Amino acid sequence: MSTTVARMQVGLNISTSAAPGADPVADAIRAEELGFDFVSASDHPSTSHAVYETWTMLSWIAAATTRIKVATRVLGVPYRNPAMTAKMAESFDRLSGGRLILGLGGGYSDEEFRAFGLTVPTAGEKVDGLAEAVQITRGLWTERAFTFKGRYHHTADAELEPKPGRRIPIWLGTFGPRALAVTGRLADGWIPSYSFAGPQEVKVMRERVLAAAYEAGRAPEEITCAYNIAIRVDEHAEPTPGLLSGSPDYLIDTIRGFGDMGFTAVNLMPGGDGVAEQVERLAGEVVPALRER
């Protein structure tokens, strides 16, 4: 009996930097030319350095490209009303020709909440609010008039038209046990970060996600597991916590190992100096070997 091995999807981080000389749209166009499957960007609206607002930047990227998928990695739910985000996502996906991956998270930085005058949720409130946001989003995308009464978010006979023309994937960036259970119950994908959870930790986390999916009556294989990896091609690299670095062969073998663990997608975040050169090396020396499987 033959076994079909899923082709690994490879994404590329696009910096949100708005510093002089930064050009995220050009970076995304180049990523599409190099054959990456998707581009992604993080969501940190309040910083001491110049950055673009993530949704606006990714909209420009979608308009300037034709094939590559576009992922939010991940939107902090407390920053935006979930029902409005659902509407924004439907419009984005429709206008881009079905290329959005809606990544959501509970919100990472309490300092950013305070800076923008937002209520700072507890860790438990972040998880519960994230779960409610996913339920509201799916409800608005599928039901004619959707009412939801949650602890943190609600809708009342809300109508969202048009409905999405496809099932827009929702990926969650989660780490704690309760959040991992939410991912297994409700999400289409899971995108943890290498810098927050190394291979041994992430293996256990993935098992929790899949167990929660099974308990909810879902097929665990329906959940895309994507590893977000800070990476650098460097034959002379010294070990650095949170950064996967080494020769192309080493990187290929290591990422294939993640594939053996069940990750069918990776999002690569080139680090250090010479990011453009790093992108070219990854595309030419690493990604093709990953695709051979």
Protein backbone atom coordinates (compact mmCIF):
# COMPACT_ATOMS: atom_id res chain seq x y z
CA MET A 1 0.00 0.00 0.00
CA SER A 2 1.45 3.39 -0.98
CA THR A 3 1.47 6.40 1.32
CA THR A 4 1.14 9.95 0.04
CA VAL A 5 3.37 12.45 1.83
CA ALA A 6 1.99 15.98 1.90
CA ARG A 7 4.12 18.60 0.19
CA MET A 8 5.53 20.93 2.81
CA GLN A 9 4.21 24.47 2.52
CA VAL A 10 6.92 27.10 3.01
CA GLY A 11 6.16 30.65 4.04
CA LEU A 12 8.33 33.72 4.52
CA ASN A 13 8.15 36.45 7.13
CA ILE A 14 7.74 39.99 5.80
CA SER A 15 9.01 42.66 8.15
CA THR A 16 6.51 45.38 9.12
CA SER A 17 9.33 47.93 9.29
CA ALA A 18 8.45 51.37 7.95
CA ALA A 19 12.01 52.66 8.32
CA PRO A 20 13.60 54.51 5.40
CA GLY A 21 14.51 52.03 2.69
CA ALA A 22 12.14 49.30 3.90
CA ASP A 23 9.81 48.01 1.18
CA PRO A 24 7.60 45.16 2.41
CA VAL A 25 5.57 45.08 -0.80
CA ALA A 26 8.71 44.57 -2.91
CA ASP A 27 9.84 41.88 -0.46
CA ALA A 28 6.56 40.04 -0.89
CA ILE A 29 6.70 40.32 -4.69
CA ARG A 30 10.17 38.80 -4.59
CA ALA A 31 8.93 36.00 -2.29
CA GLU A 32 6.27 35.20 -4.88
CA GLU A 33 8.87 35.19 -7.66
CA LEU A 34 11.05 32.82 -5.63
CA GLY A 35 8.18 30.36 -5.20
CA PHE A 36 7.29 30.68 -1.53
CA ASP A 37 3.77 29.46 -0.75
CA PHE A 38 2.78 32.28 1.59
CA VAL A 39 4.03 35.42 3.26
CA SER A 40 3.19 36.45 6.79
CA ALA A 41 3.62 39.35 9.19
CA SER A 42 3.34 39.82 12.94
CA ASP A 43 0.98 42.28 14.69
CA HIS A 44 2.57 44.77 17.08
CA PRO A 45 0.94 48.19 16.64
CA SER A 46 2.74 50.04 19.45
CA THR A 47 6.53 50.03 19.12
CA SER A 48 9.40 52.46 19.63
CA HIS A 49 10.52 51.96 16.02
CA ALA A 50 8.65 52.71 12.81
CA VAL A 51 6.28 49.95 11.70
CA TYR A 52 3.28 49.54 9.43
CA GLU A 53 -0.11 48.43 10.72
CA THR A 54 -0.23 44.78 9.77
CA TRP A 55 -3.64 44.49 8.11
CA THR A 56 -3.09 47.58 5.98
CA MET A 57 0.37 46.41 4.91
CA LEU A 58 -0.82 42.93 4.00
CA SER A 59 -3.69 44.40 1.98
CA TRP A 60 -1.17 46.30 -0.15
CA ILE A 61 0.85 43.11 -0.53
CA ALA A 62 -2.21 41.15 -1.66
CA ALA A 63 -3.00 43.83 -4.23
CA ALA A 64 0.55 43.74 -5.60
CA THR A 65 0.78 39.94 -5.92
CA THR A 66 -1.26 37.31 -7.74
CA ARG A 67 -0.52 33.83 -6.41
CA ILE A 68 1.10 33.84 -3.01
CA LYS A 69 -1.07 33.38 0.08
CA VAL A 70 -1.07 36.06 2.76
CA ALA A 71 -1.15 35.22 6.48
CA THR A 72 -1.59 37.30 9.61
CA ARG A 73 0.86 35.84 12.13
CA VAL A 74 -1.06 36.51 14.31
CA LEU A 75 -3.59 39.28 14.83
CA GLY A 76 -4.06 40.12 18.51
CA VAL A 77 -7.78 39.62 19.07
CA PRO A 78 -8.09 42.35 21.76
CA TYR A 79 -6.90 45.00 19.28
CA ARG A 80 -9.92 44.66 16.97
CA ASN A 81 -13.60 43.84 17.34
CA PRO A 82 -13.96 40.18 16.26
CA ALA A 83 -17.12 40.72 14.21
CA MET A 84 -15.50 43.58 12.30
CA THR A 85 -12.37 41.49 11.78
CA ALA A 86 -14.57 38.76 10.29
CA LYS A 87 -15.97 41.29 7.83
CA MET A 88 -12.51 42.60 7.00
CA ALA A 89 -11.27 39.05 6.43
CA GLU A 90 -14.10 38.18 4.04
CA SER A 91 -13.41 41.29 1.97
CA PHE A 92 -9.66 40.64 1.99
CA ASP A 93 -10.12 37.04 0.91
CA ARG A 94 -12.61 37.93 -1.84
CA LEU A 95 -10.52 40.76 -3.27
CA SER A 96 -7.32 38.69 -3.16
CA GLY A 97 -8.87 35.73 -4.96
CA GLY A 98 -9.01 33.45 -1.93
CA ARG A 99 -5.49 33.93 -0.56
CA LEU A 100 -5.98 34.87 3.10
CA ILE A 101 -4.87 32.79 6.05
CA LEU A 102 -6.42 34.43 9.11
CA GLY A 103 -4.02 33.97 11.99
CA LEU A 104 -5.34 34.96 15.42
CA GLY A 105 -3.89 35.08 18.91
CA GLY A 106 -4.80 36.26 22.37
CA GLY A 107 -2.39 39.19 22.30
CA TYR A 108 1.22 39.00 23.42
CA SER A 109 2.30 42.31 24.94
CA ASP A 110 0.44 43.80 27.90
CA GLU A 111 2.52 46.96 27.44
CA GLU A 112 0.96 47.44 24.00
CA PHE A 113 -2.54 47.19 25.47
CA ARG A 114 -1.70 49.85 28.05
CA ALA A 115 -0.04 52.10 25.49
CA PHE A 116 -3.17 52.16 23.31
CA GLY A 117 -5.56 52.57 26.22
CA LEU A 118 -6.94 49.04 26.02
CA THR A 119 -8.00 46.91 28.95
CA VAL A 120 -5.24 44.48 29.82
CA PRO A 121 -6.77 40.99 29.87
CA THR A 122 -5.52 38.23 32.11
CA ALA A 123 -4.02 35.11 30.53
CA GLY A 124 -7.30 33.28 31.02
CA GLU A 125 -9.30 36.14 29.53
CA LYS A 126 -7.04 36.14 26.47
CA VAL A 127 -7.73 32.45 25.87
CA ASP A 128 -11.48 32.74 26.41
CA GLY A 129 -11.68 35.86 24.26
CA LEU A 130 -9.76 34.08 21.49
CA ALA A 131 -12.18 31.13 21.58
CA GLU A 132 -15.15 33.49 21.38
CA ALA A 133 -13.59 35.36 18.47
CA VAL A 134 -13.19 32.15 16.45
CA GLN A 135 -16.80 31.16 17.15
CA ILE A 136 -18.10 34.59 16.15
CA THR A 137 -16.02 34.60 12.98
CA ARG A 138 -17.22 31.19 11.84
CA GLY A 139 -20.79 32.00 12.80
CA LEU A 140 -20.85 35.21 10.81
CA TRP A 141 -19.27 33.48 7.83
CA THR A 142 -21.82 30.65 7.76
CA GLU A 143 -25.15 31.73 9.31
CA ARG A 144 -27.65 34.21 7.90
CA ALA A 145 -28.20 36.18 11.11
CA PHE A 146 -25.84 35.26 13.90
CA THR A 147 -26.36 35.88 17.61
CA PHE A 148 -23.61 35.08 20.07
CA LYS A 149 -23.56 35.90 23.77
CA GLY A 150 -20.10 35.43 25.16
CA ARG A 151 -18.42 36.77 28.24
CA TYR A 152 -16.23 39.17 26.27
CA HIS A 153 -17.74 39.42 22.78
CA HIS A 154 -21.24 39.25 21.41
CA THR A 155 -23.36 39.76 18.30
CA ALA A 156 -27.11 40.29 17.92
CA ASP A 157 -28.79 39.05 14.74
CA ALA A 158 -25.67 40.13 12.88
CA GLU A 159 -25.76 39.73 9.12
CA LEU A 160 -22.55 39.49 7.12
CA GLU A 161 -22.89 39.47 3.36
CA PRO A 162 -21.49 38.23 1.16
CA LYS A 163 -20.47 35.01 2.84
CA PRO A 164 -16.97 33.74 2.05
CA GLY A 165 -16.74 31.78 -1.15
CA ARG A 166 -14.56 29.17 0.58
CA ARG A 167 -13.59 28.09 4.08
CA ILE A 168 -11.05 30.74 5.02
CA PRO A 169 -8.47 28.97 7.21
CA ILE A 170 -8.07 30.22 10.77
CA TRP A 171 -4.68 29.48 12.33
CA LEU A 172 -4.04 30.12 16.02
CA GLY A 173 -0.73 30.99 17.63
CA THR A 174 -1.09 29.29 21.02
CA PHE A 175 1.14 27.73 23.68
CA GLY A 176 -0.59 27.15 27.03
CA PRO A 177 -2.69 24.03 27.73
CA ARG A 178 -6.08 25.78 27.62
CA ALA A 179 -5.18 27.68 24.46
CA LEU A 180 -3.92 24.51 22.80
CA ALA A 181 -7.25 22.86 23.60
CA VAL A 182 -9.08 25.77 21.96
CA THR A 183 -6.92 25.28 18.89
CA GLY A 184 -7.78 21.60 18.68
CA ARG A 185 -11.50 22.25 19.10
CA LEU A 186 -11.93 25.23 16.81
CA ALA A 187 -9.00 26.07 14.53
CA ASP A 188 -7.92 25.00 11.05
CA GLY A 189 -4.25 25.47 11.84
CA TRP A 190 -1.71 25.93 14.61
CA ILE A 191 1.40 28.10 14.26
CA PRO A 192 3.72 28.01 17.29
CA SER A 193 7.13 29.71 17.25
CA TYR A 194 10.48 27.95 17.52
CA SER A 195 11.78 30.73 19.77
CA PHE A 196 8.99 30.14 22.30
CA ALA A 197 8.75 26.35 22.03
CA GLY A 198 11.66 24.18 20.90
CA PRO A 199 11.25 20.80 19.20
CA GLN A 200 10.76 18.79 22.38
CA GLU A 201 8.22 21.21 23.84
CA VAL A 202 6.36 21.67 20.58
CA LYS A 203 6.00 17.93 20.11
CA VAL A 204 4.10 17.65 23.40
CA MET A 205 2.03 20.74 22.56
CA ARG A 206 1.05 19.30 19.20
CA GLU A 207 -0.13 16.12 20.87
CA ARG A 208 -2.38 18.24 23.11
CA VAL A 209 -3.82 20.05 20.10
CA LEU A 210 -4.59 16.81 18.28
CA ALA A 211 -6.03 15.19 21.42
CA ALA A 212 -8.42 18.12 21.85
CA ALA A 213 -9.43 17.82 18.20
CA TYR A 214 -10.15 14.12 18.63
CA GLU A 215 -12.18 14.75 21.80
CA ALA A 216 -14.23 17.34 19.90
CA GLY A 217 -15.07 14.78 17.23
CA ARG A 218 -12.75 16.31 14.65
CA ALA A 219 -10.26 14.54 12.41
CA PRO A 220 -6.86 15.66 13.77
CA GLU A 221 -5.37 15.64 10.27
CA GLU A 222 -7.69 18.53 9.39
CA ILE A 223 -5.44 20.84 11.43
CA THR A 224 -2.44 22.30 9.60
CA CYS A 225 0.57 22.41 11.90
CA ALA A 226 2.95 25.19 10.83
CA TYR A 227 6.21 25.92 12.66
CA ASN A 228 7.32 29.56 12.77
CA ILE A 229 11.12 29.47 12.68
CA ALA A 230 13.74 32.20 13.08
CA ILE A 231 16.42 30.94 10.71
CA ARG A 232 19.80 31.78 9.25
CA VAL A 233 21.90 30.06 6.60
CA ASP A 234 25.42 30.23 8.02
CA GLU A 235 28.01 27.47 7.69
CA HIS A 236 29.99 28.95 10.60
CA ALA A 237 27.10 29.69 12.96
CA GLU A 238 27.41 29.28 16.70
CA PRO A 239 24.37 27.86 18.52
CA THR A 240 21.95 30.65 19.43
CA PRO A 241 18.82 30.10 21.54
CA GLY A 242 15.65 30.59 19.54
CA LEU A 243 17.47 30.74 16.19
CA LEU A 244 17.87 27.79 13.85
CA SER A 245 21.17 28.35 12.06
CA GLY A 246 23.69 26.28 10.15
CA SER A 247 24.60 24.99 6.72
CA PRO A 248 21.90 24.34 4.11
CA ASP A 249 22.21 20.59 4.66
CA TYR A 250 21.81 20.99 8.42
CA LEU A 251 18.76 23.21 8.00
CA ILE A 252 17.19 20.81 5.51
CA ASP A 253 17.69 17.81 7.78
CA THR A 254 16.35 19.67 10.82
CA ILE A 255 13.25 20.97 9.08
CA ARG A 256 12.59 17.55 7.59
CA GLY A 257 12.66 16.32 11.18
CA PHE A 258 9.89 18.77 11.99
CA GLY A 259 7.99 17.28 9.07
CA ASP A 260 8.43 13.84 10.59
CA MET A 261 6.88 15.25 13.78
CA GLY A 262 3.78 16.21 11.82
CA PHE A 263 4.44 19.77 10.71
CA THR A 264 3.27 20.19 7.12
CA ALA A 265 4.17 23.89 6.90
CA VAL A 266 6.95 26.17 8.08
CA ASN A 267 7.19 29.93 8.17
CA LEU A 268 10.78 31.09 7.82
CA MET A 269 12.00 34.28 9.49
CA PRO A 270 15.50 35.13 8.22
CA GLY A 271 17.47 36.85 10.94
CA GLY A 272 20.54 39.00 11.35
CA ASP A 273 22.28 41.07 8.70
CA GLY A 274 21.68 40.63 5.00
CA VAL A 275 18.07 39.48 5.10
CA ALA A 276 17.64 39.81 1.34
CA GLU A 277 20.65 37.57 0.75
CA GLN A 278 19.30 35.12 3.32
CA VAL A 279 15.97 34.94 1.49
CA GLU A 280 17.75 34.16 -1.78
CA ARG A 281 19.85 31.44 -0.14
CA LEU A 282 16.85 29.86 1.55
CA ALA A 283 14.90 29.87 -1.72
CA GLY A 284 17.79 28.41 -3.71
CA GLU A 285 19.54 26.08 -1.27
CA VAL A 286 16.98 24.95 1.31
CA VAL A 287 13.38 25.18 0.08
CA PRO A 288 13.76 22.98 -3.05
CA ALA A 289 15.03 20.08 -0.94
CA LEU A 290 12.07 20.43 1.43
CA ARG A 291 9.72 20.27 -1.54
CA GLU A 292 11.23 17.00 -2.78
CA ARG A 293 9.29 15.19 -0.08
